[in-house]
Amino acid sequence: MIGRLNGVLAEKQPPGLLMDVRGVGYELEAPMSTFYSLPAVGEPVQLYTHLVVKEDGHYLYGFLTRLERSLFRSLIRVNGVGPKLGLTLLSGMPVEDLIHCIQQQDDASLTRMPGVGKKTAQRLVIDLKDRMGDLRQPAATASTATAPLGAVADDATADAVSALVALGYRPAEANKLVGRIDTSGLPSEEIIRLALQKTVK
């Protein structure tokens, strides 16, 4: 099991990223809660990781905090919740808000996220509500951080739409969410953050 990586951020395109660890490139997927606080490409970064082994390959998921990883591991233990939906849940709202939703049995907020139907939301609440108290940590602030404003690619809007589709939104829905935002001068991570905020209000 690969539990943590220390290296240099070589590429980032939500929800995927590439880390260079002493000359070896590790491809990972990460929730937007992690992406909002990643450094610029070329900067050092440390990520906590979770490895999923399937018949068609090995998949590595990265998280900026142990809290994010612990919550991800709890989510994917729920019947019907795989790694992709786990990333969607962690991307849809701040980590502390997601924990609060589950504790308060707020399945209505959970069903606003793509791929989460009524039954899945109820299963999440039933299976996890008693475990959430153990996950809370004062240091878990990465999920509420805003994206650093740096150089913005010309296709930041297209990148944001692609990321939302990868997180489970239909292309038309992703375009509609991004279309409600003034994207001028914003990096893709910030566009995604603003779009996701609209889905949970």
N, C-alpha and C. Protein backbone atom coordinates (compact mmCIF):
# COMPACT_ATOMS: atom_id res chain seq x y z
N MET A 1 0.85 -1.20 0.00
CA MET A 1 0.00 0.00 0.00
C MET A 1 0.88 1.25 0.00
N ILE A 2 0.61 2.16 -0.90
CA ILE A 2 1.31 3.45 -0.93
C ILE A 2 0.49 4.42 -0.08
N GLY A 3 1.05 4.88 1.04
CA GLY A 3 0.31 5.71 1.97
C GLY A 3 0.57 7.20 1.86
N ARG A 4 1.71 7.57 1.30
CA ARG A 4 2.05 8.99 1.21
C ARG A 4 3.12 9.19 0.15
N LEU A 5 3.06 10.33 -0.54
CA LEU A 5 4.07 10.68 -1.54
C LEU A 5 4.60 12.07 -1.25
N ASN A 6 5.90 12.23 -1.35
CA ASN A 6 6.55 13.54 -1.28
C ASN A 6 7.28 13.76 -2.58
N GLY A 7 6.97 14.85 -3.25
CA GLY A 7 7.64 15.10 -4.52
C GLY A 7 7.33 16.47 -5.05
N VAL A 8 7.37 16.58 -6.36
CA VAL A 8 7.12 17.85 -7.05
C VAL A 8 5.87 17.69 -7.90
N LEU A 9 5.01 18.70 -7.84
CA LEU A 9 3.80 18.68 -8.66
C LEU A 9 4.19 18.95 -10.12
N ALA A 10 4.05 17.94 -10.97
CA ALA A 10 4.48 18.06 -12.36
C ALA A 10 3.36 18.54 -13.28
N GLU A 11 2.15 18.08 -13.03
CA GLU A 11 0.99 18.48 -13.84
C GLU A 11 -0.24 18.47 -12.95
N LYS A 12 -1.21 19.32 -13.27
CA LYS A 12 -2.51 19.24 -12.59
C LYS A 12 -3.61 19.66 -13.55
N GLN A 13 -4.56 18.77 -13.69
CA GLN A 13 -5.74 18.99 -14.52
C GLN A 13 -6.89 18.26 -13.85
N PRO A 14 -7.69 18.97 -13.06
CA PRO A 14 -8.73 18.30 -12.27
C PRO A 14 -9.56 17.32 -13.09
N PRO A 15 -9.80 16.11 -12.56
CA PRO A 15 -9.42 15.65 -11.22
C PRO A 15 -8.08 14.90 -11.18
N GLY A 16 -7.28 14.98 -12.25
CA GLY A 16 -6.02 14.26 -12.30
C GLY A 16 -4.81 15.13 -12.04
N LEU A 17 -3.76 14.51 -11.53
CA LEU A 17 -2.50 15.22 -11.34
C LEU A 17 -1.35 14.24 -11.47
N LEU A 18 -0.16 14.79 -11.68
CA LEU A 18 1.05 13.99 -11.83
C LEU A 18 2.09 14.50 -10.85
N MET A 19 2.61 13.58 -10.04
CA MET A 19 3.67 13.93 -9.09
C MET A 19 4.97 13.28 -9.50
N ASP A 20 6.04 14.06 -9.50
CA ASP A 20 7.37 13.54 -9.77
C ASP A 20 8.04 13.26 -8.43
N VAL A 21 8.27 11.98 -8.16
CA VAL A 21 8.93 11.57 -6.91
C VAL A 21 10.26 10.93 -7.26
N ARG A 22 11.31 11.73 -7.18
CA ARG A 22 12.67 11.26 -7.49
C ARG A 22 12.75 10.62 -8.86
N GLY A 23 12.13 11.27 -9.83
CA GLY A 23 12.22 10.81 -11.21
C GLY A 23 11.14 9.85 -11.64
N VAL A 24 10.29 9.43 -10.70
CA VAL A 24 9.18 8.53 -11.03
C VAL A 24 7.89 9.35 -11.02
N GLY A 25 7.12 9.28 -12.11
CA GLY A 25 5.89 10.04 -12.20
C GLY A 25 4.70 9.22 -11.73
N TYR A 26 4.02 9.69 -10.71
CA TYR A 26 2.83 9.02 -10.19
C TYR A 26 1.58 9.76 -10.64
N GLU A 27 0.70 9.05 -11.33
CA GLU A 27 -0.58 9.63 -11.73
C GLU A 27 -1.59 9.38 -10.62
N LEU A 28 -2.28 10.45 -10.21
CA LEU A 28 -3.27 10.35 -9.15
C LEU A 28 -4.54 11.08 -9.55
N GLU A 29 -5.62 10.74 -8.89
CA GLU A 29 -6.84 11.54 -8.96
C GLU A 29 -7.09 12.08 -7.57
N ALA A 30 -7.64 13.29 -7.51
CA ALA A 30 -7.85 13.94 -6.22
C ALA A 30 -9.16 14.71 -6.23
N PRO A 31 -9.78 14.86 -5.06
CA PRO A 31 -11.01 15.66 -4.98
C PRO A 31 -10.68 17.14 -5.10
N MET A 32 -11.67 17.94 -5.41
CA MET A 32 -11.44 19.38 -5.53
C MET A 32 -11.04 19.99 -4.19
N SER A 33 -11.44 19.38 -3.08
CA SER A 33 -11.01 19.88 -1.77
C SER A 33 -9.49 19.91 -1.67
N THR A 34 -8.82 18.99 -2.35
CA THR A 34 -7.36 18.98 -2.40
C THR A 34 -6.85 19.96 -3.45
N PHE A 35 -7.48 19.97 -4.61
CA PHE A 35 -7.02 20.83 -5.71
C PHE A 35 -7.00 22.30 -5.33
N TYR A 36 -7.97 22.74 -4.53
CA TYR A 36 -8.04 24.16 -4.17
C TYR A 36 -6.79 24.63 -3.45
N SER A 37 -6.08 23.72 -2.80
CA SER A 37 -4.92 24.12 -2.00
C SER A 37 -3.59 23.60 -2.53
N LEU A 38 -3.60 23.04 -3.73
CA LEU A 38 -2.34 22.57 -4.31
C LEU A 38 -1.44 23.75 -4.67
N PRO A 39 -0.13 23.56 -4.56
CA PRO A 39 0.79 24.62 -4.99
C PRO A 39 0.84 24.69 -6.51
N ALA A 40 1.61 25.62 -7.02
CA ALA A 40 1.78 25.75 -8.46
C ALA A 40 2.58 24.57 -9.00
N VAL A 41 2.41 24.29 -10.29
CA VAL A 41 3.20 23.24 -10.94
C VAL A 41 4.68 23.58 -10.78
N GLY A 42 5.47 22.57 -10.44
CA GLY A 42 6.90 22.77 -10.22
C GLY A 42 7.27 22.95 -8.77
N GLU A 43 6.25 23.09 -7.90
CA GLU A 43 6.49 23.27 -6.47
C GLU A 43 6.40 21.93 -5.74
N PRO A 44 7.08 21.81 -4.59
CA PRO A 44 7.00 20.56 -3.81
C PRO A 44 5.63 20.39 -3.18
N VAL A 45 5.24 19.14 -3.03
CA VAL A 45 3.93 18.84 -2.44
C VAL A 45 3.98 17.47 -1.76
N GLN A 46 3.21 17.33 -0.72
CA GLN A 46 3.05 16.04 -0.04
C GLN A 46 1.58 15.67 -0.05
N LEU A 47 1.28 14.45 -0.46
CA LEU A 47 -0.10 13.98 -0.50
C LEU A 47 -0.22 12.64 0.21
N TYR A 48 -1.29 12.49 0.97
CA TYR A 48 -1.65 11.20 1.54
C TYR A 48 -2.41 10.44 0.45
N THR A 49 -2.17 9.16 0.35
CA THR A 49 -2.70 8.42 -0.80
C THR A 49 -3.48 7.18 -0.39
N HIS A 50 -4.32 6.76 -1.32
CA HIS A 50 -5.06 5.50 -1.16
C HIS A 50 -4.99 4.77 -2.49
N LEU A 51 -4.57 3.51 -2.45
CA LEU A 51 -4.40 2.71 -3.65
C LEU A 51 -5.58 1.75 -3.80
N VAL A 52 -6.19 1.77 -4.98
CA VAL A 52 -7.27 0.84 -5.30
C VAL A 52 -6.79 -0.08 -6.41
N VAL A 53 -6.86 -1.38 -6.17
CA VAL A 53 -6.41 -2.37 -7.15
C VAL A 53 -7.64 -3.01 -7.79
N LYS A 54 -7.73 -2.90 -9.11
CA LYS A 54 -8.82 -3.52 -9.85
C LYS A 54 -8.24 -4.43 -10.92
N GLU A 55 -9.10 -5.19 -11.56
CA GLU A 55 -8.64 -6.11 -12.60
C GLU A 55 -7.97 -5.38 -13.76
N ASP A 56 -8.46 -4.17 -14.04
CA ASP A 56 -7.92 -3.44 -15.20
C ASP A 56 -6.80 -2.48 -14.85
N GLY A 57 -6.36 -2.47 -13.61
CA GLY A 57 -5.24 -1.60 -13.25
C GLY A 57 -5.23 -1.17 -11.80
N HIS A 58 -4.19 -0.43 -11.45
CA HIS A 58 -4.04 0.13 -10.11
C HIS A 58 -4.34 1.62 -10.18
N TYR A 59 -5.13 2.12 -9.23
CA TYR A 59 -5.55 3.52 -9.24
C TYR A 59 -5.16 4.16 -7.92
N LEU A 60 -4.47 5.30 -8.03
CA LEU A 60 -3.97 5.99 -6.85
C LEU A 60 -4.73 7.30 -6.66
N TYR A 61 -5.19 7.52 -5.45
CA TYR A 61 -5.95 8.73 -5.12
C TYR A 61 -5.17 9.53 -4.09
N GLY A 62 -5.12 10.86 -4.29
CA GLY A 62 -4.32 11.71 -3.43
C GLY A 62 -5.15 12.71 -2.65
N PHE A 63 -4.69 13.03 -1.43
CA PHE A 63 -5.41 13.92 -0.53
C PHE A 63 -4.42 14.79 0.23
N LEU A 64 -4.76 16.05 0.38
CA LEU A 64 -3.85 16.96 1.06
C LEU A 64 -3.83 16.72 2.56
N THR A 65 -4.93 16.23 3.13
CA THR A 65 -4.98 16.00 4.57
C THR A 65 -5.37 14.55 4.87
N ARG A 66 -5.01 14.10 6.06
CA ARG A 66 -5.41 12.77 6.49
C ARG A 66 -6.92 12.68 6.67
N LEU A 67 -7.53 13.79 7.06
CA LEU A 67 -8.98 13.81 7.23
C LEU A 67 -9.69 13.49 5.91
N GLU A 68 -9.25 14.12 4.82
CA GLU A 68 -9.85 13.84 3.51
C GLU A 68 -9.71 12.36 3.17
N ARG A 69 -8.52 11.82 3.38
CA ARG A 69 -8.30 10.41 3.05
C ARG A 69 -9.15 9.50 3.94
N SER A 70 -9.24 9.80 5.22
CA SER A 70 -10.05 8.98 6.12
C SER A 70 -11.52 9.00 5.72
N LEU A 71 -12.00 10.19 5.35
CA LEU A 71 -13.40 10.30 4.93
C LEU A 71 -13.63 9.54 3.62
N PHE A 72 -12.69 9.66 2.68
CA PHE A 72 -12.77 8.93 1.42
C PHE A 72 -12.84 7.43 1.68
N ARG A 73 -12.00 6.94 2.58
CA ARG A 73 -11.99 5.51 2.89
C ARG A 73 -13.31 5.07 3.52
N SER A 74 -13.89 5.92 4.35
CA SER A 74 -15.19 5.61 4.94
C SER A 74 -16.28 5.58 3.87
N LEU A 75 -16.23 6.55 2.96
CA LEU A 75 -17.25 6.64 1.91
C LEU A 75 -17.26 5.41 1.02
N ILE A 76 -16.07 4.96 0.58
CA ILE A 76 -16.03 3.87 -0.39
C ILE A 76 -16.31 2.51 0.26
N ARG A 77 -16.41 2.48 1.58
CA ARG A 77 -16.82 1.24 2.24
C ARG A 77 -18.34 1.05 2.19
N VAL A 78 -19.05 2.12 1.87
CA VAL A 78 -20.51 2.05 1.79
C VAL A 78 -20.90 1.36 0.49
N ASN A 79 -21.83 0.42 0.59
CA ASN A 79 -22.28 -0.32 -0.58
C ASN A 79 -22.82 0.63 -1.65
N GLY A 80 -22.30 0.52 -2.87
CA GLY A 80 -22.76 1.37 -3.97
C GLY A 80 -21.95 2.64 -4.15
N VAL A 81 -20.98 2.89 -3.29
CA VAL A 81 -20.14 4.08 -3.40
C VAL A 81 -18.72 3.65 -3.78
N GLY A 82 -18.34 3.92 -5.02
CA GLY A 82 -16.99 3.60 -5.47
C GLY A 82 -16.09 4.82 -5.37
N PRO A 83 -14.83 4.68 -5.78
CA PRO A 83 -13.89 5.80 -5.71
C PRO A 83 -14.33 7.04 -6.47
N LYS A 84 -14.95 6.87 -7.65
CA LYS A 84 -15.38 8.04 -8.43
C LYS A 84 -16.44 8.83 -7.68
N LEU A 85 -17.42 8.14 -7.12
CA LEU A 85 -18.46 8.83 -6.36
C LEU A 85 -17.89 9.41 -5.07
N GLY A 86 -16.90 8.72 -4.49
CA GLY A 86 -16.23 9.26 -3.31
C GLY A 86 -15.57 10.59 -3.59
N LEU A 87 -14.91 10.70 -4.75
CA LEU A 87 -14.29 11.97 -5.15
C LEU A 87 -15.35 13.04 -5.38
N THR A 88 -16.47 12.63 -5.99
CA THR A 88 -17.55 13.58 -6.25
C THR A 88 -18.09 14.15 -4.94
N LEU A 89 -18.29 13.30 -3.96
CA LEU A 89 -18.81 13.74 -2.66
C LEU A 89 -17.84 14.70 -1.98
N LEU A 90 -16.55 14.38 -2.03
CA LEU A 90 -15.54 15.24 -1.41
C LEU A 90 -15.37 16.55 -2.18
N SER A 91 -15.71 16.53 -3.46
CA SER A 91 -15.58 17.74 -4.27
C SER A 91 -16.81 18.64 -4.16
N GLY A 92 -17.95 18.05 -3.83
CA GLY A 92 -19.20 18.80 -3.86
C GLY A 92 -19.40 19.79 -2.75
N MET A 93 -18.73 19.59 -1.62
CA MET A 93 -18.85 20.52 -0.50
C MET A 93 -17.63 20.37 0.39
N PRO A 94 -17.34 21.39 1.22
CA PRO A 94 -16.20 21.27 2.13
C PRO A 94 -16.32 20.03 3.01
N VAL A 95 -15.18 19.47 3.37
CA VAL A 95 -15.15 18.23 4.14
C VAL A 95 -15.98 18.32 5.42
N GLU A 96 -15.81 19.41 6.16
CA GLU A 96 -16.56 19.55 7.41
C GLU A 96 -18.06 19.61 7.15
N ASP A 97 -18.47 20.23 6.04
CA ASP A 97 -19.89 20.30 5.71
C ASP A 97 -20.43 18.91 5.35
N LEU A 98 -19.63 18.12 4.66
CA LEU A 98 -20.05 16.77 4.30
C LEU A 98 -20.22 15.91 5.56
N ILE A 99 -19.28 16.02 6.47
CA ILE A 99 -19.40 15.30 7.74
C ILE A 99 -20.66 15.74 8.48
N HIS A 100 -20.91 17.04 8.50
CA HIS A 100 -22.09 17.58 9.19
C HIS A 100 -23.39 17.06 8.54
N CYS A 101 -23.43 17.02 7.21
CA CYS A 101 -24.61 16.51 6.50
C CYS A 101 -24.93 15.08 6.91
N ILE A 102 -23.88 14.27 6.98
CA ILE A 102 -24.08 12.86 7.33
C ILE A 102 -24.52 12.74 8.78
N GLN A 103 -23.88 13.50 9.68
CA GLN A 103 -24.25 13.44 11.09
C GLN A 103 -25.69 13.90 11.32
N GLN A 104 -26.10 14.93 10.59
CA GLN A 104 -27.45 15.48 10.76
C GLN A 104 -28.49 14.76 9.89
N GLN A 105 -28.05 13.70 9.21
CA GLN A 105 -28.94 12.90 8.36
C GLN A 105 -29.62 13.77 7.29
N ASP A 106 -28.83 14.69 6.74
CA ASP A 106 -29.33 15.62 5.71
C ASP A 106 -29.15 14.98 4.33
N ASP A 107 -29.97 13.98 4.03
CA ASP A 107 -29.82 13.31 2.75
C ASP A 107 -30.25 14.18 1.58
N ALA A 108 -31.06 15.21 1.83
CA ALA A 108 -31.48 16.11 0.75
C ALA A 108 -30.29 16.84 0.14
N SER A 109 -29.36 17.30 0.97
CA SER A 109 -28.16 17.99 0.46
C SER A 109 -27.27 17.02 -0.30
N LEU A 110 -27.20 15.78 0.15
CA LEU A 110 -26.36 14.79 -0.52
C LEU A 110 -26.89 14.46 -1.91
N THR A 111 -28.21 14.43 -2.06
CA THR A 111 -28.79 14.06 -3.36
C THR A 111 -28.62 15.15 -4.41
N ARG A 112 -28.16 16.34 -4.02
CA ARG A 112 -27.92 17.39 -5.01
C ARG A 112 -26.66 17.13 -5.82
N MET A 113 -25.84 16.19 -5.37
CA MET A 113 -24.60 15.89 -6.08
C MET A 113 -24.85 14.80 -7.12
N PRO A 114 -24.16 14.87 -8.27
CA PRO A 114 -24.40 13.90 -9.34
C PRO A 114 -24.06 12.48 -8.89
N GLY A 115 -24.92 11.54 -9.26
CA GLY A 115 -24.67 10.14 -8.93
C GLY A 115 -25.19 9.72 -7.58
N VAL A 116 -25.72 10.66 -6.80
CA VAL A 116 -26.22 10.34 -5.47
C VAL A 116 -27.75 10.39 -5.49
N GLY A 117 -28.35 9.23 -5.55
CA GLY A 117 -29.80 9.14 -5.48
C GLY A 117 -30.27 9.07 -4.04
N LYS A 118 -31.56 9.00 -3.87
CA LYS A 118 -32.15 8.98 -2.53
C LYS A 118 -31.67 7.77 -1.73
N LYS A 119 -31.64 6.61 -2.36
CA LYS A 119 -31.23 5.39 -1.65
C LYS A 119 -29.76 5.45 -1.24
N THR A 120 -28.92 5.96 -2.14
CA THR A 120 -27.49 6.06 -1.82
C THR A 120 -27.28 7.05 -0.68
N ALA A 121 -27.98 8.19 -0.71
CA ALA A 121 -27.86 9.18 0.35
C ALA A 121 -28.29 8.59 1.69
N GLN A 122 -29.39 7.85 1.69
CA GLN A 122 -29.86 7.25 2.93
C GLN A 122 -28.89 6.20 3.45
N ARG A 123 -28.28 5.46 2.51
CA ARG A 123 -27.30 4.44 2.91
C ARG A 123 -26.06 5.10 3.52
N LEU A 124 -25.63 6.23 2.94
CA LEU A 124 -24.49 6.96 3.49
C LEU A 124 -24.77 7.41 4.92
N VAL A 125 -25.96 7.95 5.13
CA VAL A 125 -26.33 8.43 6.46
C VAL A 125 -26.39 7.29 7.46
N ILE A 126 -27.06 6.21 7.09
CA ILE A 126 -27.24 5.07 8.00
C ILE A 126 -25.90 4.43 8.35
N ASP A 127 -25.06 4.22 7.33
CA ASP A 127 -23.79 3.51 7.55
C ASP A 127 -22.73 4.35 8.24
N LEU A 128 -22.78 5.69 8.04
CA LEU A 128 -21.65 6.51 8.48
C LEU A 128 -21.93 7.49 9.62
N LYS A 129 -23.20 7.74 9.93
CA LYS A 129 -23.50 8.83 10.88
C LYS A 129 -22.82 8.65 12.23
N ASP A 130 -22.65 7.41 12.67
CA ASP A 130 -22.03 7.18 13.98
C ASP A 130 -20.51 7.20 13.93
N ARG A 131 -19.94 7.24 12.72
CA ARG A 131 -18.47 7.23 12.59
C ARG A 131 -17.89 8.62 12.36
N MET A 132 -18.74 9.58 12.03
CA MET A 132 -18.23 10.89 11.65
C MET A 132 -17.57 11.67 12.78
N GLY A 133 -18.03 11.46 14.01
CA GLY A 133 -17.45 12.19 15.14
C GLY A 133 -15.97 11.92 15.30
N ASP A 134 -15.55 10.69 15.00
CA ASP A 134 -14.14 10.32 15.14
C ASP A 134 -13.26 10.94 14.08
N LEU A 135 -13.87 11.43 12.99
CA LEU A 135 -13.08 11.97 11.89
C LEU A 135 -12.75 13.45 12.06
N ARG A 136 -13.53 14.17 12.85
CA ARG A 136 -13.34 15.61 12.94
C ARG A 136 -11.97 15.95 13.50
N GLN A 137 -11.30 16.89 12.81
CA GLN A 137 -9.98 17.35 13.23
C GLN A 137 -9.90 18.86 13.05
N PRO A 138 -9.41 19.61 14.05
CA PRO A 138 -9.32 21.06 13.93
C PRO A 138 -8.45 21.51 12.77
N ALA A 139 -7.47 20.67 12.38
CA ALA A 139 -6.52 21.08 11.34
C ALA A 139 -7.07 20.92 9.94
N ALA A 140 -8.28 20.41 9.82
CA ALA A 140 -8.83 20.14 8.49
C ALA A 140 -9.35 21.40 7.85
N THR A 141 -8.44 22.18 7.28
CA THR A 141 -8.83 23.45 6.70
C THR A 141 -8.66 23.49 5.19
N ALA A 142 -8.03 22.49 4.62
CA ALA A 142 -7.72 22.54 3.19
C ALA A 142 -8.98 22.61 2.34
N SER A 143 -10.07 21.99 2.81
CA SER A 143 -11.27 21.93 1.98
C SER A 143 -11.95 23.27 1.82
N THR A 144 -11.65 24.22 2.71
CA THR A 144 -12.31 25.51 2.61
C THR A 144 -11.40 26.58 2.02
N ALA A 145 -10.21 26.19 1.64
CA ALA A 145 -9.29 27.17 1.08
C ALA A 145 -9.72 27.55 -0.32
N THR A 146 -9.36 28.73 -0.72
CA THR A 146 -9.68 29.16 -2.08
C THR A 146 -8.50 28.88 -2.98
N ALA A 147 -8.76 28.80 -4.25
CA ALA A 147 -7.71 28.49 -5.20
C ALA A 147 -6.75 29.66 -5.33
N PRO A 148 -5.44 29.38 -5.40
CA PRO A 148 -4.50 30.46 -5.59
C PRO A 148 -4.65 31.06 -6.97
N LEU A 149 -4.61 32.36 -7.04
CA LEU A 149 -4.74 33.02 -8.32
C LEU A 149 -3.37 33.18 -8.95
N GLY A 150 -3.16 32.50 -10.03
CA GLY A 150 -1.88 32.59 -10.70
C GLY A 150 -2.11 32.79 -12.19
N ALA A 151 -1.20 32.26 -12.98
CA ALA A 151 -1.36 32.36 -14.42
C ALA A 151 -2.58 31.55 -14.84
N VAL A 152 -3.42 32.13 -15.64
CA VAL A 152 -4.65 31.48 -16.05
C VAL A 152 -4.53 31.04 -17.50
N ALA A 153 -4.81 29.76 -17.74
CA ALA A 153 -4.74 29.24 -19.10
C ALA A 153 -5.94 29.76 -19.89
N ASP A 154 -5.73 29.91 -21.23
CA ASP A 154 -6.80 30.39 -22.09
C ASP A 154 -8.02 29.47 -22.05
N ASP A 155 -7.77 28.18 -21.80
CA ASP A 155 -8.88 27.22 -21.82
C ASP A 155 -9.31 26.84 -20.42
N ALA A 156 -9.19 27.75 -19.46
CA ALA A 156 -9.57 27.44 -18.07
C ALA A 156 -11.03 27.05 -17.97
N THR A 157 -11.90 27.71 -18.73
CA THR A 157 -13.33 27.39 -18.69
C THR A 157 -13.57 25.98 -19.22
N ALA A 158 -12.93 25.65 -20.34
CA ALA A 158 -13.08 24.30 -20.90
C ALA A 158 -12.54 23.25 -19.95
N ASP A 159 -11.43 23.56 -19.29
CA ASP A 159 -10.86 22.63 -18.31
C ASP A 159 -11.83 22.42 -17.16
N ALA A 160 -12.48 23.48 -16.72
CA ALA A 160 -13.44 23.39 -15.62
C ALA A 160 -14.63 22.51 -16.01
N VAL A 161 -15.14 22.70 -17.22
CA VAL A 161 -16.25 21.88 -17.70
C VAL A 161 -15.83 20.41 -17.76
N SER A 162 -14.64 20.14 -18.27
CA SER A 162 -14.14 18.76 -18.36
C SER A 162 -14.03 18.12 -16.98
N ALA A 163 -13.56 18.90 -16.01
CA ALA A 163 -13.42 18.38 -14.65
C ALA A 163 -14.78 18.05 -14.05
N LEU A 164 -15.77 18.91 -14.28
CA LEU A 164 -17.11 18.65 -13.75
C LEU A 164 -17.71 17.40 -14.38
N VAL A 165 -17.46 17.21 -15.67
CA VAL A 165 -17.94 16.00 -16.34
C VAL A 165 -17.26 14.77 -15.74
N ALA A 166 -15.96 14.87 -15.47
CA ALA A 166 -15.23 13.76 -14.86
C ALA A 166 -15.75 13.44 -13.46
N LEU A 167 -16.31 14.45 -12.79
CA LEU A 167 -16.87 14.26 -11.45
C LEU A 167 -18.30 13.74 -11.48
N GLY A 168 -18.85 13.55 -12.67
CA GLY A 168 -20.16 12.93 -12.77
C GLY A 168 -21.28 13.79 -13.32
N TYR A 169 -21.01 15.06 -13.62
CA TYR A 169 -22.05 15.93 -14.19
C TYR A 169 -22.20 15.65 -15.68
N ARG A 170 -23.42 15.76 -16.17
CA ARG A 170 -23.64 15.65 -17.62
C ARG A 170 -23.04 16.88 -18.30
N PRO A 171 -22.54 16.72 -19.54
CA PRO A 171 -21.91 17.86 -20.22
C PRO A 171 -22.78 19.11 -20.26
N ALA A 172 -24.06 18.94 -20.55
CA ALA A 172 -24.95 20.11 -20.61
C ALA A 172 -25.08 20.77 -19.24
N GLU A 173 -25.14 19.94 -18.20
CA GLU A 173 -25.26 20.47 -16.84
C GLU A 173 -23.98 21.19 -16.44
N ALA A 174 -22.83 20.61 -16.80
CA ALA A 174 -21.55 21.24 -16.48
C ALA A 174 -21.42 22.58 -17.18
N ASN A 175 -21.80 22.63 -18.44
CA ASN A 175 -21.74 23.89 -19.18
C ASN A 175 -22.67 24.94 -18.58
N LYS A 176 -23.84 24.50 -18.13
CA LYS A 176 -24.80 25.41 -17.53
C LYS A 176 -24.26 26.00 -16.23
N LEU A 177 -23.64 25.15 -15.40
CA LEU A 177 -23.08 25.62 -14.12
C LEU A 177 -21.97 26.65 -14.35
N VAL A 178 -21.08 26.33 -15.29
CA VAL A 178 -19.96 27.24 -15.58
C VAL A 178 -20.47 28.51 -16.24
N GLY A 179 -21.53 28.38 -17.04
CA GLY A 179 -22.07 29.54 -17.73
C GLY A 179 -22.67 30.59 -16.81
N ARG A 180 -22.97 30.21 -15.57
CA ARG A 180 -23.53 31.15 -14.60
C ARG A 180 -22.46 31.99 -13.91
N ILE A 181 -21.21 31.73 -14.22
CA ILE A 181 -20.09 32.36 -13.51
C ILE A 181 -19.35 33.31 -14.43
N ASP A 182 -18.93 34.43 -13.88
CA ASP A 182 -18.03 35.32 -14.61
C ASP A 182 -16.63 34.75 -14.49
N THR A 183 -16.19 34.07 -15.53
CA THR A 183 -14.91 33.34 -15.48
C THR A 183 -13.71 34.19 -15.87
N SER A 184 -13.91 35.44 -16.14
CA SER A 184 -12.81 36.30 -16.61
C SER A 184 -11.66 36.32 -15.60
N GLY A 185 -10.50 35.89 -16.07
CA GLY A 185 -9.30 35.95 -15.24
C GLY A 185 -9.19 34.90 -14.16
N LEU A 186 -10.11 33.93 -14.14
CA LEU A 186 -10.09 32.91 -13.09
C LEU A 186 -9.40 31.64 -13.57
N PRO A 187 -8.63 30.99 -12.69
CA PRO A 187 -8.06 29.68 -13.04
C PRO A 187 -9.15 28.63 -12.97
N SER A 188 -8.91 27.48 -13.57
CA SER A 188 -9.94 26.44 -13.64
C SER A 188 -10.38 25.98 -12.26
N GLU A 189 -9.45 25.89 -11.29
CA GLU A 189 -9.82 25.43 -9.95
C GLU A 189 -10.84 26.35 -9.30
N GLU A 190 -10.69 27.65 -9.50
CA GLU A 190 -11.62 28.61 -8.91
C GLU A 190 -12.98 28.54 -9.61
N ILE A 191 -12.98 28.34 -10.91
CA ILE A 191 -14.23 28.20 -11.65
C ILE A 191 -14.99 26.98 -11.15
N ILE A 192 -14.26 25.88 -10.95
CA ILE A 192 -14.89 24.66 -10.45
C ILE A 192 -15.45 24.87 -9.05
N ARG A 193 -14.69 25.53 -8.20
CA ARG A 193 -15.14 25.78 -6.83
C ARG A 193 -16.45 26.58 -6.83
N LEU A 194 -16.52 27.62 -7.64
CA LEU A 194 -17.72 28.45 -7.71
C LEU A 194 -18.90 27.68 -8.29
N ALA A 195 -18.63 26.84 -9.29
CA ALA A 195 -19.71 26.03 -9.89
C ALA A 195 -20.25 25.03 -8.88
N LEU A 196 -19.38 24.38 -8.14
CA LEU A 196 -19.82 23.40 -7.17
C LEU A 196 -20.59 24.05 -6.02
N GLN A 197 -20.23 25.27 -5.68
CA GLN A 197 -20.95 25.98 -4.62
C GLN A 197 -22.41 26.16 -5.02
N LYS A 198 -22.66 26.38 -6.29
CA LYS A 198 -24.04 26.60 -6.76
C LYS A 198 -24.88 25.34 -6.67
N THR A 199 -24.24 24.17 -6.70
CA THR A 199 -25.01 22.93 -6.67
C THR A 199 -25.49 22.57 -5.27
N VAL A 200 -24.88 23.15 -4.23
CA VAL A 200 -25.25 22.76 -2.86
C VAL A 200 -26.06 23.84 -2.17
N LYS A 201 -26.39 24.94 -2.86
CA LYS A 201 -27.18 26.00 -2.25
C LYS A 201 -28.66 25.71 -2.42
